[in-house]
Amino acid sequence: MLKIGLTGGIGSGKTTVARLFREHGVPTIDTDWIAHQLVRPGQPALEALIDEFGPGILTPAGALDRARLRAQVFADPGKKARLEAILHPAIFAEMERRLARLQAPYCLIAIPLLVETGARHRVDRVLVVDCPESLQIARLRHREGLDEELIRRIIASQATRQERLAIADEVVTNDRDLTALARQVAELHRFYRRLSAERTDP
């Protein structure tokens, strides 16, 4: 099975691109969703985060307060590294378990931090969702109500646009409307099906 790693900066539109591929019947694995499942109340990863960052990262109901954790992590690179050391091995282990159960010509694996985690070897091809930084900022302010200073810190903590494009096999440009984005995804879907068929031909 051909494995396509989907990545891009925060606010670039990865979730929308993954949804468009699913509409073509392509199985997708979302490592962000896996991360959310791993930090539910009672999960070992959440207990490890509490041990590391303190009970202040919890809501009154005992769930992870992502805004509080994010504020800590993006103010201190050392804390970001400790967060990743807790979560990334568990995320990739669950990703591999899910991959082992799939049967399809190709699948999409959304790995937002593909560059940063050195995960290129885990996929066959890299698909980057690209857009100008100004659009990332506008989308995050609208979608999550974050202030621009925090958004810029988050963007600065990720791989640069140039670093992502340097490892891209394919690029989706998400600076127009949904119709333009859907057209690009449809073309890529045909391309990946053709690649998959060529890999399995005797």
Protein backbone atom coordinates (compact mmCIF):
# COMPACT_ATOMS: atom_id res chain seq x y z
CA MET A 1 0.00 0.00 0.00
CA LEU A 2 1.33 3.40 -1.01
CA LYS A 3 1.65 5.66 2.06
CA ILE A 4 1.24 9.39 1.49
CA GLY A 5 2.40 11.66 4.32
CA LEU A 6 0.29 14.80 4.47
CA THR A 7 1.89 17.77 6.20
CA GLY A 8 1.85 21.55 6.32
CA GLY A 9 2.07 24.42 8.75
CA ILE A 10 -0.63 25.16 11.29
CA GLY A 11 -3.62 26.76 9.60
CA SER A 12 -2.55 25.64 6.13
CA GLY A 13 -5.66 23.53 5.54
CA LYS A 14 -4.48 19.96 6.17
CA THR A 15 -7.80 18.93 7.74
CA THR A 16 -9.75 20.13 4.70
CA VAL A 17 -7.38 18.37 2.30
CA ALA A 18 -7.68 15.12 4.27
CA ARG A 19 -11.49 15.41 4.19
CA LEU A 20 -11.42 15.87 0.41
CA PHE A 21 -9.32 12.73 0.02
CA ARG A 22 -11.77 10.81 2.26
CA GLU A 23 -14.57 11.90 -0.07
CA HIS A 24 -12.73 9.95 -2.79
CA GLY A 25 -12.79 6.88 -0.53
CA VAL A 26 -9.17 7.17 0.57
CA PRO A 27 -8.50 5.85 4.10
CA THR A 28 -6.79 8.45 6.25
CA ILE A 29 -4.92 8.27 9.53
CA ASP A 30 -4.78 11.54 11.46
CA THR A 31 -1.98 11.67 14.00
CA ASP A 32 -3.55 14.77 15.61
CA TRP A 33 -6.71 12.75 16.27
CA ILE A 34 -4.60 9.92 17.68
CA ALA A 35 -2.87 12.43 19.97
CA HIS A 36 -6.26 13.64 21.23
CA GLN A 37 -7.29 10.07 22.04
CA LEU A 38 -4.04 9.38 23.87
CA VAL A 39 -4.59 12.26 26.31
CA ARG A 40 -8.15 11.44 27.35
CA PRO A 41 -8.72 11.20 31.12
CA GLY A 42 -7.29 7.97 32.49
CA GLN A 43 -4.87 7.41 29.61
CA PRO A 44 -1.21 6.81 30.52
CA ALA A 45 -0.03 9.67 28.29
CA LEU A 46 -2.18 12.16 30.18
CA GLU A 47 -0.83 10.93 33.50
CA ALA A 48 2.70 11.39 32.14
CA LEU A 49 1.85 14.95 31.09
CA ILE A 50 0.47 15.74 34.55
CA ASP A 51 3.66 14.39 36.14
CA GLU A 52 5.75 16.55 33.83
CA PHE A 53 3.75 19.80 33.67
CA GLY A 54 1.65 19.70 36.83
CA PRO A 55 -2.10 19.48 37.48
CA GLY A 56 -2.55 23.06 36.26
CA ILE A 57 -2.86 21.71 32.71
CA LEU A 58 -6.23 20.13 33.60
CA THR A 59 -9.71 21.59 33.42
CA PRO A 60 -11.89 21.42 36.56
CA ALA A 61 -13.44 18.27 35.06
CA GLY A 62 -10.04 16.56 34.82
CA ALA A 63 -9.60 16.82 31.04
CA LEU A 64 -6.53 18.25 29.38
CA ASP A 65 -6.74 22.04 29.04
CA ARG A 66 -4.98 22.35 25.70
CA ALA A 67 -4.86 26.15 25.81
CA ARG A 68 -2.98 26.11 29.14
CA LEU A 69 -0.59 23.41 27.97
CA ARG A 70 0.00 25.23 24.69
CA ALA A 71 0.77 28.47 26.55
CA GLN A 72 3.41 26.66 28.62
CA VAL A 73 4.94 24.74 25.76
CA PHE A 74 5.30 27.56 23.25
CA ALA A 75 6.85 29.85 25.85
CA ASP A 76 9.65 27.36 26.59
CA PRO A 77 11.43 25.22 23.96
CA GLY A 78 12.58 22.81 26.67
CA LYS A 79 8.99 22.09 27.67
CA LYS A 80 8.07 21.57 24.02
CA ALA A 81 10.81 18.94 23.73
CA ARG A 82 9.57 17.17 26.87
CA LEU A 83 6.00 17.16 25.56
CA GLU A 84 7.14 15.61 22.29
CA ALA A 85 9.24 12.98 24.08
CA ILE A 86 6.09 11.84 25.91
CA LEU A 87 3.63 11.92 23.02
CA HIS A 88 5.46 11.18 19.77
CA PRO A 89 6.51 7.55 20.42
CA ALA A 90 2.96 6.65 21.47
CA ILE A 91 1.45 8.45 18.47
CA PHE A 92 3.68 6.67 15.95
CA ALA A 93 3.10 3.28 17.60
CA GLU A 94 -0.67 3.72 17.27
CA MET A 95 -0.25 4.96 13.70
CA GLU A 96 1.61 1.77 12.76
CA ARG A 97 -1.09 -0.37 14.39
CA ARG A 98 -3.75 1.37 12.32
CA LEU A 99 -1.69 1.06 9.13
CA ALA A 100 -1.38 -2.69 9.64
CA ARG A 101 -5.17 -3.02 9.52
CA LEU A 102 -5.67 -1.09 6.28
CA GLN A 103 -6.14 -2.58 2.83
CA ALA A 104 -6.32 -0.05 0.00
CA PRO A 105 -4.35 1.06 -3.07
CA TYR A 106 -3.04 3.96 -1.03
CA CYS A 107 -3.67 5.77 2.22
CA LEU A 108 -3.14 9.26 3.54
CA ILE A 109 -1.33 9.81 6.86
CA ALA A 110 -1.70 13.32 8.25
CA ILE A 111 1.50 14.13 10.17
CA PRO A 112 1.59 17.87 10.90
CA LEU A 113 5.13 17.65 12.31
CA LEU A 114 6.48 15.26 9.68
CA VAL A 115 9.61 17.36 9.11
CA GLU A 116 10.18 18.15 12.78
CA THR A 117 9.85 14.53 13.94
CA GLY A 118 12.06 13.09 11.20
CA ALA A 119 9.16 10.93 10.02
CA ARG A 120 9.98 11.04 6.30
CA HIS A 121 11.06 7.38 6.40
CA ARG A 122 7.61 6.34 7.61
CA VAL A 123 5.90 7.28 4.31
CA ASP A 124 6.50 6.71 0.62
CA ARG A 125 5.69 10.22 -0.57
CA VAL A 126 5.22 13.61 1.07
CA LEU A 127 2.30 15.86 0.18
CA VAL A 128 2.66 19.41 1.52
CA VAL A 129 -0.28 21.78 1.93
CA ASP A 130 1.18 25.21 1.33
CA CYS A 131 -0.08 28.77 1.77
CA PRO A 132 1.35 32.17 2.68
CA GLU A 133 2.00 32.82 6.38
CA SER A 134 -0.45 35.74 6.32
CA LEU A 135 -3.24 33.29 5.49
CA GLN A 136 -2.19 30.93 8.29
CA ILE A 137 -2.42 33.80 10.78
CA ALA A 138 -5.80 34.99 9.49
CA ARG A 139 -7.28 31.48 9.61
CA LEU A 140 -6.07 30.81 13.15
CA ARG A 141 -7.34 34.14 14.44
CA HIS A 142 -10.74 33.40 12.92
CA ARG A 143 -10.90 29.69 13.77
CA GLU A 144 -9.41 29.58 17.26
CA GLY A 145 -9.39 33.19 18.40
CA LEU A 146 -5.66 33.10 19.12
CA ASP A 147 -3.74 36.34 19.39
CA GLU A 148 -1.19 37.05 16.70
CA GLU A 149 1.82 36.88 19.03
CA LEU A 150 1.00 33.30 20.07
CA ILE A 151 0.27 32.32 16.47
CA ARG A 152 3.67 33.62 15.38
CA ARG A 153 5.38 31.69 18.20
CA ILE A 154 3.63 28.51 17.10
CA ILE A 155 4.61 29.06 13.47
CA ALA A 156 8.20 29.83 14.50
CA SER A 157 8.35 26.57 16.48
CA GLN A 158 7.50 24.54 13.38
CA ALA A 159 9.58 23.76 10.31
CA THR A 160 9.80 26.65 7.89
CA ARG A 161 7.77 26.78 4.73
CA GLN A 162 11.00 26.27 2.76
CA GLU A 163 11.97 23.20 4.82
CA ARG A 164 8.60 21.55 4.14
CA LEU A 165 8.70 22.35 0.44
CA ALA A 166 12.24 20.95 0.22
CA ILE A 167 11.04 17.44 1.09
CA ALA A 168 7.73 17.61 -0.81
CA ASP A 169 7.02 15.15 -3.58
CA GLU A 170 3.73 16.92 -4.29
CA VAL A 171 2.33 20.29 -3.19
CA VAL A 172 -1.26 21.45 -2.77
CA THR A 173 -1.55 25.24 -2.85
CA ASN A 174 -4.35 26.35 -0.54
CA ASP A 175 -4.61 30.08 -1.19
CA ARG A 176 -7.88 30.17 -3.11
CA ASP A 177 -11.37 28.73 -2.63
CA LEU A 178 -12.57 25.21 -1.83
CA THR A 179 -13.34 24.47 -5.48
CA ALA A 180 -9.72 25.09 -6.48
CA LEU A 181 -8.52 22.94 -3.59
CA ALA A 182 -10.90 20.10 -4.48
CA ARG A 183 -9.69 20.17 -8.08
CA GLN A 184 -6.08 19.71 -6.96
CA VAL A 185 -7.04 16.84 -4.66
CA ALA A 186 -8.97 15.09 -7.45
CA GLU A 187 -5.91 15.29 -9.72
CA LEU A 188 -3.66 13.93 -6.99
CA HIS A 189 -6.10 11.12 -6.26
CA ARG A 190 -5.87 9.95 -9.86
CA PHE A 191 -2.08 10.29 -9.74
CA TYR A 192 -1.71 8.27 -6.53
CA ARG A 193 -4.01 5.52 -7.81
CA ARG A 194 -1.89 5.29 -10.94
CA LEU A 195 1.32 5.16 -8.89
CA SER A 196 -0.14 2.46 -6.68
CA ALA A 197 -1.14 0.38 -9.70
CA GLU A 198 2.36 0.70 -11.17
CA ARG A 199 3.87 -0.53 -7.88
CA THR A 200 1.74 -3.66 -7.91
CA ASP A 201 2.11 -4.55 -11.59
CA PRO A 202 4.22 -7.68 -12.08
